[in-house]
Amino acid sequence: MWLAVTACAPAASTSVKSVTTNAATAPQFAAEVALRVDYADFARYRAANATLPPPAPGEQRVVFLGNSITDGWAQYFAVMFPGKPYIGRGISGQTTPQMLVRFHADVVALEPAAVVILGGTNDIAGNTGLSTNEMIQDNLQAMTEIAHANGIRVVLSSILPVYDYPWRRGLTPAPRIVAVNGWMKTYAARVGATYLDYHSAMSDDRQGLRAEFGADGVHPNEAGYRVMAGLAARAIDEALRRP
């Protein structure tokens, strides 16, 4: 059974204005406190990471790092990637700076052979504040460099197509997504990473997500995830063949 995926809306505002904790604002206040106490949400996978054994001899573990798109997908890895030692480390709403902060705990420490990085859409949506394309690119580059320094092969996933964000209308994200993806493809070729192009297979004539692949224009449904699984499997195989 396929479950609805939680929207990538930000977990909390980063505004420093005072918050009155009445009945209407209490949940928002609690979320803001949680974000400031654990910005990268290390708590989400701390217990799972602590109990995960090292890879078995010869095992080619792969970690998928991302936001709600990865978070919602991971529970179906056993169906989409049968028999594969693939681990999901997606957190709904996250941006690339948050992913970068937790990269060692949720990727490097798990000793994978490869990491599949999917992030950037929430940066464009402004979930943790203003992000330029260059800021997104810097974070993706930093994660790639950390992975390579630790002998981990990198799959850089294109940002999925979006015409408009349901939780933040009117940002016109499609051209920015295309631009960041173009940079990502060039960067991956230059540094020996593998570029995984979801965008071309899933975009419509407005550079948005095709309707058959997701109802809200951002998050894939089962059909969308199946397209992604085929593309990801080929990209991972390519990455694992790299020296």
C-alpha atoms as a PDB file:
ATOM      1  CA  MET A   1       0.000   0.000   0.000  1.00  0.00           C
ATOM      2  CA  TRP A   2       1.246   3.451  -0.870  1.00  0.00           C
ATOM      3  CA  LEU A   3       0.915   6.175   1.726  1.00  0.00           C
ATOM      4  CA  ALA A   4       0.464   9.873   1.062  1.00  0.00           C
ATOM      5  CA  VAL A   5       3.736  11.754   1.280  1.00  0.00           C
ATOM      6  CA  THR A   6       3.926  14.693   3.640  1.00  0.00           C
ATOM      7  CA  ALA A   7       4.502  17.973   1.877  1.00  0.00           C
ATOM      8  CA  CYS A   8       7.944  19.504   1.858  1.00  0.00           C
ATOM      9  CA  ALA A   9       6.640  22.540   3.710  1.00  0.00           C
ATOM     10  CA  PRO A  10       9.141  23.873   6.249  1.00  0.00           C
ATOM     11  CA  ALA A  11       9.012  22.368   9.699  1.00  0.00           C
ATOM     12  CA  ALA A  12       9.306  25.820  11.208  1.00  0.00           C
ATOM     13  CA  SER A  13       9.944  29.466  10.476  1.00  0.00           C
ATOM     14  CA  THR A  14      13.390  30.814  11.222  1.00  0.00           C
ATOM     15  CA  SER A  15      12.063  34.270  12.076  1.00  0.00           C
ATOM     16  CA  VAL A  16      13.492  35.763  15.260  1.00  0.00           C
ATOM     17  CA  LYS A  17      10.365  37.775  16.051  1.00  0.00           C
ATOM     18  CA  SER A  18       8.740  37.062  19.383  1.00  0.00           C
ATOM     19  CA  VAL A  19       6.057  34.378  19.468  1.00  0.00           C
ATOM     20  CA  THR A  20       3.063  34.495  21.788  1.00  0.00           C
ATOM     21  CA  THR A  21       2.338  30.954  22.928  1.00  0.00           C
ATOM     22  CA  ASN A  22      -1.439  31.008  22.858  1.00  0.00           C
ATOM     23  CA  ALA A  23      -3.550  28.123  21.549  1.00  0.00           C
ATOM     24  CA  ALA A  24      -3.102  29.230  17.939  1.00  0.00           C
ATOM     25  CA  THR A  25       0.662  29.690  17.996  1.00  0.00           C
ATOM     26  CA  ALA A  26       1.757  26.957  20.416  1.00  0.00           C
ATOM     27  CA  PRO A  27       2.434  24.330  17.696  1.00  0.00           C
ATOM     28  CA  GLN A  28       4.417  26.851  15.656  1.00  0.00           C
ATOM     29  CA  PHE A  29       6.391  27.889  18.731  1.00  0.00           C
ATOM     30  CA  ALA A  30       7.191  24.267  19.565  1.00  0.00           C
ATOM     31  CA  ALA A  31       8.366  23.652  15.995  1.00  0.00           C
ATOM     32  CA  GLU A  32      10.584  26.738  16.065  1.00  0.00           C
ATOM     33  CA  VAL A  33      12.157  25.624  19.337  1.00  0.00           C
ATOM     34  CA  ALA A  34      12.776  22.142  17.949  1.00  0.00           C
ATOM     35  CA  LEU A  35      14.423  23.574  14.827  1.00  0.00           C
ATOM     36  CA  ARG A  36      16.764  25.748  16.864  1.00  0.00           C
ATOM     37  CA  VAL A  37      17.653  22.966  19.302  1.00  0.00           C
ATOM     38  CA  ASP A  38      18.333  20.351  16.569  1.00  0.00           C
ATOM     39  CA  TYR A  39      18.671  22.275  13.306  1.00  0.00           C
ATOM     40  CA  ALA A  40      19.606  19.251  11.192  1.00  0.00           C
ATOM     41  CA  ASP A  41      17.289  16.829  13.050  1.00  0.00           C
ATOM     42  CA  PHE A  42      20.009  14.440  14.159  1.00  0.00           C
ATOM     43  CA  ALA A  43      17.424  12.875  16.458  1.00  0.00           C
ATOM     44  CA  ARG A  44      15.457  11.470  13.535  1.00  0.00           C
ATOM     45  CA  TYR A  45      17.931   8.670  12.742  1.00  0.00           C
ATOM     46  CA  ARG A  46      20.127   8.604  15.834  1.00  0.00           C
ATOM     47  CA  ALA A  47      18.725   5.344  17.212  1.00  0.00           C
ATOM     48  CA  ALA A  48      18.586   3.656  13.809  1.00  0.00           C
ATOM     49  CA  ASN A  49      22.180   4.624  13.067  1.00  0.00           C
ATOM     50  CA  ALA A  50      23.364   3.367  16.440  1.00  0.00           C
ATOM     51  CA  THR A  51      21.856  -0.086  15.902  1.00  0.00           C
ATOM     52  CA  LEU A  52      22.799  -0.481  12.228  1.00  0.00           C
ATOM     53  CA  PRO A  53      25.619  -3.018  11.902  1.00  0.00           C
ATOM     54  CA  PRO A  54      28.609  -2.345   9.637  1.00  0.00           C
ATOM     55  CA  PRO A  55      28.254  -3.553   6.051  1.00  0.00           C
ATOM     56  CA  ALA A  56      28.904  -7.251   5.631  1.00  0.00           C
ATOM     57  CA  PRO A  57      32.042  -8.232   3.710  1.00  0.00           C
ATOM     58  CA  GLY A  58      31.442  -7.520   0.041  1.00  0.00           C
ATOM     59  CA  GLU A  59      28.202  -5.644   0.715  1.00  0.00           C
ATOM     60  CA  GLN A  60      27.733  -2.498  -1.341  1.00  0.00           C
ATOM     61  CA  ARG A  61      25.555  -0.424   0.956  1.00  0.00           C
ATOM     62  CA  VAL A  62      23.938   2.664  -0.545  1.00  0.00           C
ATOM     63  CA  VAL A  63      22.501   5.557   1.486  1.00  0.00           C
ATOM     64  CA  PHE A  64      19.805   7.782  -0.013  1.00  0.00           C
ATOM     65  CA  LEU A  65      20.047  11.260   1.529  1.00  0.00           C
ATOM     66  CA  GLY A  66      17.283  13.776   0.945  1.00  0.00           C
ATOM     67  CA  ASN A  67      14.039  15.449   1.927  1.00  0.00           C
ATOM     68  CA  SER A  68      10.419  14.244   1.980  1.00  0.00           C
ATOM     69  CA  ILE A  69      10.718  12.736  -1.496  1.00  0.00           C
ATOM     70  CA  THR A  70      13.382  10.352  -0.201  1.00  0.00           C
ATOM     71  CA  ASP A  71      11.656  10.039   3.173  1.00  0.00           C
ATOM     72  CA  GLY A  72       8.431   8.851   1.575  1.00  0.00           C
ATOM     73  CA  TRP A  73      10.217   6.520  -0.807  1.00  0.00           C
ATOM     74  CA  ALA A  74      12.460   4.670   1.646  1.00  0.00           C
ATOM     75  CA  GLN A  75       9.756   2.516   3.185  1.00  0.00           C
ATOM     76  CA  TYR A  76       9.261   0.907  -0.230  1.00  0.00           C
ATOM     77  CA  PHE A  77      12.915   0.204  -1.009  1.00  0.00           C
ATOM     78  CA  ALA A  78      12.392  -3.502  -0.311  1.00  0.00           C
ATOM     79  CA  VAL A  79       9.828  -3.584  -3.135  1.00  0.00           C
ATOM     80  CA  MET A  80      11.562  -1.198  -5.529  1.00  0.00           C
ATOM     81  CA  PHE A  81      15.094  -2.542  -4.927  1.00  0.00           C
ATOM     82  CA  PRO A  82      14.584  -6.157  -3.807  1.00  0.00           C
ATOM     83  CA  GLY A  83      17.567  -7.664  -2.056  1.00  0.00           C
ATOM     84  CA  LYS A  84      19.584  -4.448  -2.180  1.00  0.00           C
ATOM     85  CA  PRO A  85      21.203  -3.037   0.999  1.00  0.00           C
ATOM     86  CA  TYR A  86      19.775   0.442   0.449  1.00  0.00           C
ATOM     87  CA  ILE A  87      19.109   2.760   3.380  1.00  0.00           C
ATOM     88  CA  GLY A  88      16.859   5.831   3.404  1.00  0.00           C
ATOM     89  CA  ARG A  89      17.951   8.937   5.265  1.00  0.00           C
ATOM     90  CA  GLY A  90      15.446  11.502   4.030  1.00  0.00           C
ATOM     91  CA  ILE A  91      13.791  14.075   6.300  1.00  0.00           C
ATOM     92  CA  SER A  92      10.684  15.959   5.239  1.00  0.00           C
ATOM     93  CA  GLY A  93      11.126  19.665   4.650  1.00  0.00           C
ATOM     94  CA  GLN A  94      14.923  19.665   4.749  1.00  0.00           C
ATOM     95  CA  THR A  95      17.199  21.910   2.738  1.00  0.00           C
ATOM     96  CA  THR A  96      20.753  21.241   1.550  1.00  0.00           C
ATOM     97  CA  PRO A  97      22.425  23.077   4.471  1.00  0.00           C
ATOM     98  CA  GLN A  98      20.588  20.797   6.890  1.00  0.00           C
ATOM     99  CA  MET A  99      21.585  17.758   4.845  1.00  0.00           C
ATOM    100  CA  LEU A 100      25.190  18.933   4.851  1.00  0.00           C
ATOM    101  CA  VAL A 101      25.248  19.345   8.642  1.00  0.00           C
ATOM    102  CA  ARG A 102      24.070  15.760   9.187  1.00  0.00           C
ATOM    103  CA  PHE A 103      26.056  14.257   6.312  1.00  0.00           C
ATOM    104  CA  HIS A 104      28.669  12.620   8.511  1.00  0.00           C
ATOM    105  CA  ALA A 105      26.198  11.136  10.988  1.00  0.00           C
ATOM    106  CA  ASP A 106      23.666   9.927   8.430  1.00  0.00           C
ATOM    107  CA  VAL A 107      25.989   8.963   5.568  1.00  0.00           C
ATOM    108  CA  VAL A 108      29.727   8.687   6.304  1.00  0.00           C
ATOM    109  CA  ALA A 109      29.310   6.890   9.635  1.00  0.00           C
ATOM    110  CA  LEU A 110      27.186   4.207   7.950  1.00  0.00           C
ATOM    111  CA  GLU A 111      30.130   3.186   5.731  1.00  0.00           C
ATOM    112  CA  PRO A 112      28.279   3.041   2.409  1.00  0.00           C
ATOM    113  CA  ALA A 113      29.867   2.273  -0.935  1.00  0.00           C
ATOM    114  CA  ALA A 114      27.774   5.050  -2.475  1.00  0.00           C
ATOM    115  CA  VAL A 115      25.404   7.874  -1.566  1.00  0.00           C
ATOM    116  CA  VAL A 116      22.465   9.123  -3.618  1.00  0.00           C
ATOM    117  CA  ILE A 117      21.928  12.805  -2.860  1.00  0.00           C
ATOM    118  CA  LEU A 118      18.583  14.397  -3.688  1.00  0.00           C
ATOM    119  CA  GLY A 119      18.117  17.932  -2.392  1.00  0.00           C
ATOM    120  CA  GLY A 120      17.578  21.540  -3.346  1.00  0.00           C
ATOM    121  CA  THR A 121      13.875  21.892  -3.990  1.00  0.00           C
ATOM    122  CA  ASN A 122      13.175  23.072  -0.439  1.00  0.00           C
ATOM    123  CA  ASP A 123      16.021  25.574  -0.700  1.00  0.00           C
ATOM    124  CA  ILE A 124      14.291  27.083  -3.728  1.00  0.00           C
ATOM    125  CA  ALA A 125      11.016  27.080  -1.789  1.00  0.00           C
ATOM    126  CA  GLY A 126      12.751  29.021   0.997  1.00  0.00           C
ATOM    127  CA  ASN A 127      12.101  26.525   3.775  1.00  0.00           C
ATOM    128  CA  THR A 128      15.072  27.717   5.839  1.00  0.00           C
ATOM    129  CA  GLY A 129      15.325  31.177   4.359  1.00  0.00           C
ATOM    130  CA  LEU A 130      16.632  32.703   1.178  1.00  0.00           C
ATOM    131  CA  SER A 131      18.908  30.427  -0.853  1.00  0.00           C
ATOM    132  CA  THR A 132      20.567  31.406  -4.094  1.00  0.00           C
ATOM    133  CA  ASN A 133      21.454  28.817  -6.723  1.00  0.00           C
ATOM    134  CA  GLU A 134      25.094  29.274  -5.762  1.00  0.00           C
ATOM    135  CA  MET A 135      24.334  28.416  -2.129  1.00  0.00           C
ATOM    136  CA  ILE A 136      22.611  25.181  -3.188  1.00  0.00           C
ATOM    137  CA  GLN A 137      25.524  24.340  -5.452  1.00  0.00           C
ATOM    138  CA  ASP A 138      28.047  25.011  -2.684  1.00  0.00           C
ATOM    139  CA  ASN A 139      26.239  22.614  -0.352  1.00  0.00           C
ATOM    140  CA  LEU A 140      26.009  19.868  -2.971  1.00  0.00           C
ATOM    141  CA  GLN A 141      29.692  20.344  -3.749  1.00  0.00           C
ATOM    142  CA  ALA A 142      30.608  20.154  -0.058  1.00  0.00           C
ATOM    143  CA  MET A 143      28.692  16.899   0.390  1.00  0.00           C
ATOM    144  CA  THR A 144      30.362  15.452  -2.692  1.00  0.00           C
ATOM    145  CA  GLU A 145      33.804  16.412  -1.423  1.00  0.00           C
ATOM    146  CA  ILE A 146      33.150  14.875   2.007  1.00  0.00           C
ATOM    147  CA  ALA A 147      31.932  11.663   0.383  1.00  0.00           C
ATOM    148  CA  HIS A 148      34.919  11.410  -1.944  1.00  0.00           C
ATOM    149  CA  ALA A 149      37.316  12.097   0.930  1.00  0.00           C
ATOM    150  CA  ASN A 150      35.831   9.058   2.658  1.00  0.00           C
ATOM    151  CA  GLY A 151      35.926   6.751  -0.357  1.00  0.00           C
ATOM    152  CA  ILE A 152      32.184   6.991  -1.011  1.00  0.00           C
ATOM    153  CA  ARG A 153      30.969   7.165  -4.607  1.00  0.00           C
ATOM    154  CA  VAL A 154      28.447   9.923  -5.286  1.00  0.00           C
ATOM    155  CA  VAL A 155      25.220   9.985  -7.261  1.00  0.00           C
ATOM    156  CA  LEU A 156      23.940  13.557  -7.645  1.00  0.00           C
ATOM    157  CA  SER A 157      20.216  13.468  -8.368  1.00  0.00           C
ATOM    158  CA  SER A 158      18.542  16.187 -10.371  1.00  0.00           C
ATOM    159  CA  ILE A 159      15.921  18.212  -8.555  1.00  0.00           C
ATOM    160  CA  LEU A 160      12.506  16.950  -9.598  1.00  0.00           C
ATOM    161  CA  PRO A 161      10.426  19.279 -11.777  1.00  0.00           C
ATOM    162  CA  VAL A 162       8.113  21.727  -9.989  1.00  0.00           C
ATOM    163  CA  TYR A 163       5.913  24.372 -11.574  1.00  0.00           C
ATOM    164  CA  ASP A 164       4.662  25.817  -8.254  1.00  0.00           C
ATOM    165  CA  TYR A 165       4.966  24.910  -4.575  1.00  0.00           C
ATOM    166  CA  PRO A 166       1.587  24.301  -2.883  1.00  0.00           C
ATOM    167  CA  TRP A 167       2.866  25.763   0.395  1.00  0.00           C
ATOM    168  CA  ARG A 168       4.579  28.800  -1.176  1.00  0.00           C
ATOM    169  CA  ARG A 169       2.877  29.938  -4.339  1.00  0.00           C
ATOM    170  CA  GLY A 170       4.266  32.211  -7.009  1.00  0.00           C
ATOM    171  CA  LEU A 171       8.012  31.570  -6.743  1.00  0.00           C
ATOM    172  CA  THR A 172       8.338  30.365 -10.356  1.00  0.00           C
ATOM    173  CA  PRO A 173      10.766  27.580  -9.391  1.00  0.00           C
ATOM    174  CA  ALA A 174      11.003  25.763 -12.730  1.00  0.00           C
ATOM    175  CA  PRO A 175      13.780  27.888 -14.324  1.00  0.00           C
ATOM    176  CA  ARG A 176      15.882  27.767 -11.160  1.00  0.00           C
ATOM    177  CA  ILE A 177      15.522  23.990 -10.955  1.00  0.00           C
ATOM    178  CA  VAL A 178      16.633  23.642 -14.574  1.00  0.00           C
ATOM    179  CA  ALA A 179      19.632  25.900 -13.895  1.00  0.00           C
ATOM    180  CA  VAL A 180      20.789  24.020 -10.794  1.00  0.00           C
ATOM    181  CA  ASN A 181      20.363  20.699 -12.601  1.00  0.00           C
ATOM    182  CA  GLY A 182      22.475  21.972 -15.476  1.00  0.00           C
ATOM    183  CA  TRP A 183      25.233  22.953 -13.073  1.00  0.00           C
ATOM    184  CA  MET A 184      24.937  19.579 -11.321  1.00  0.00           C
ATOM    185  CA  LYS A 185      25.373  17.611 -14.548  1.00  0.00           C
ATOM    186  CA  THR A 186      28.496  19.578 -15.488  1.00  0.00           C
ATOM    187  CA  TYR A 187      29.939  19.390 -11.964  1.00  0.00           C
ATOM    188  CA  ALA A 188      29.353  15.628 -11.705  1.00  0.00           C
ATOM    189  CA  ALA A 189      31.221  15.019 -14.968  1.00  0.00           C
ATOM    190  CA  ARG A 190      34.108  17.174 -13.791  1.00  0.00           C
ATOM    191  CA  VAL A 191      34.638  15.498 -10.401  1.00  0.00           C
ATOM    192  CA  GLY A 192      33.846  11.877 -11.215  1.00  0.00           C
ATOM    193  CA  ALA A 193      30.378  11.722  -9.676  1.00  0.00           C
ATOM    194  CA  THR A 194      27.347  10.200 -11.419  1.00  0.00           C
ATOM    195  CA  TYR A 195      24.514  12.486 -12.501  1.00  0.00           C
ATOM    196  CA  LEU A 196      21.027  11.016 -12.090  1.00  0.00           C
ATOM    197  CA  ASP A 197      18.495  12.784 -14.305  1.00  0.00           C
ATOM    198  CA  TYR A 198      14.980  12.386 -12.932  1.00  0.00           C
ATOM    199  CA  HIS A 199      13.896  15.729 -14.365  1.00  0.00           C
ATOM    200  CA  SER A 200      13.916  14.839 -18.056  1.00  0.00           C
ATOM    201  CA  ALA A 201      11.784  11.746 -17.521  1.00  0.00           C
ATOM    202  CA  MET A 202       9.238  13.394 -15.217  1.00  0.00           C
ATOM    203  CA  SER A 203       8.693  16.954 -16.496  1.00  0.00           C
ATOM    204  CA  ASP A 204       5.774  18.282 -18.524  1.00  0.00           C
ATOM    205  CA  ASP A 205       5.756  21.079 -21.105  1.00  0.00           C
ATOM    206  CA  ARG A 206       5.817  23.699 -18.295  1.00  0.00           C
ATOM    207  CA  GLN A 207       8.851  22.078 -16.647  1.00  0.00           C
ATOM    208  CA  GLY A 208       6.544  20.945 -13.860  1.00  0.00           C
ATOM    209  CA  LEU A 209       5.940  17.440 -12.552  1.00  0.00           C
ATOM    210  CA  ARG A 210       3.801  15.425 -14.944  1.00  0.00           C
ATOM    211  CA  ALA A 211       0.317  14.893 -13.494  1.00  0.00           C
ATOM    212  CA  GLU A 212       0.529  11.101 -13.730  1.00  0.00           C
ATOM    213  CA  PHE A 213       3.586  11.136 -11.467  1.00  0.00           C
ATOM    214  CA  GLY A 214       2.225  13.179  -8.547  1.00  0.00           C
ATOM    215  CA  ALA A 215      -0.976  14.909  -7.468  1.00  0.00           C
ATOM    216  CA  ASP A 216       0.523  17.957  -5.727  1.00  0.00           C
ATOM    217  CA  GLY A 217       3.094  18.846  -8.366  1.00  0.00           C
ATOM    218  CA  VAL A 218       6.047  18.145  -6.043  1.00  0.00           C
ATOM    219  CA  HIS A 219       5.901  14.663  -4.528  1.00  0.00           C
ATOM    220  CA  PRO A 220       5.909  11.483  -6.618  1.00  0.00           C
ATOM    221  CA  ASN A 221       3.167   8.894  -6.407  1.00  0.00           C
ATOM    222  CA  GLU A 222       3.740   5.168  -6.938  1.00  0.00           C
ATOM    223  CA  ALA A 223       4.122   5.613 -10.688  1.00  0.00           C
ATOM    224  CA  GLY A 224       6.624   8.409 -10.160  1.00  0.00           C
ATOM    225  CA  TYR A 225       8.666   6.406  -7.691  1.00  0.00           C
ATOM    226  CA  ARG A 226       8.784   3.473 -10.092  1.00  0.00           C
ATOM    227  CA  VAL A 227      10.247   5.711 -12.790  1.00  0.00           C
ATOM    228  CA  MET A 228      12.765   7.019 -10.261  1.00  0.00           C
ATOM    229  CA  ALA A 229      13.674   3.501  -9.130  1.00  0.00           C
ATOM    230  CA  GLY A 230      14.648   2.395 -12.618  1.00  0.00           C
ATOM    231  CA  LEU A 231      16.767   5.485 -13.179  1.00  0.00           C
ATOM    232  CA  ALA A 232      18.354   5.267  -9.740  1.00  0.00           C
ATOM    233  CA  ALA A 233      19.253   1.586 -10.170  1.00  0.00           C
ATOM    234  CA  ARG A 234      21.152   2.331 -13.377  1.00  0.00           C
ATOM    235  CA  ALA A 235      22.912   5.354 -11.857  1.00  0.00           C
ATOM    236  CA  ILE A 236      23.970   3.382  -8.773  1.00  0.00           C
ATOM    237  CA  ASP A 237      25.355   0.587 -10.921  1.00  0.00           C
ATOM    238  CA  GLU A 238      27.328   3.158 -12.893  1.00  0.00           C
ATOM    239  CA  ALA A 239      28.651   4.793  -9.735  1.00  0.00           C
ATOM    240  CA  LEU A 240      29.708   1.472  -8.184  1.00  0.00           C
ATOM    241  CA  ARG A 241      31.700   0.623 -11.309  1.00  0.00           C
ATOM    242  CA  ARG A 242      33.801   3.749 -10.870  1.00  0.00           C
ATOM    243  CA  PRO A 243      37.283   3.239  -9.447  1.00  0.00           C
END
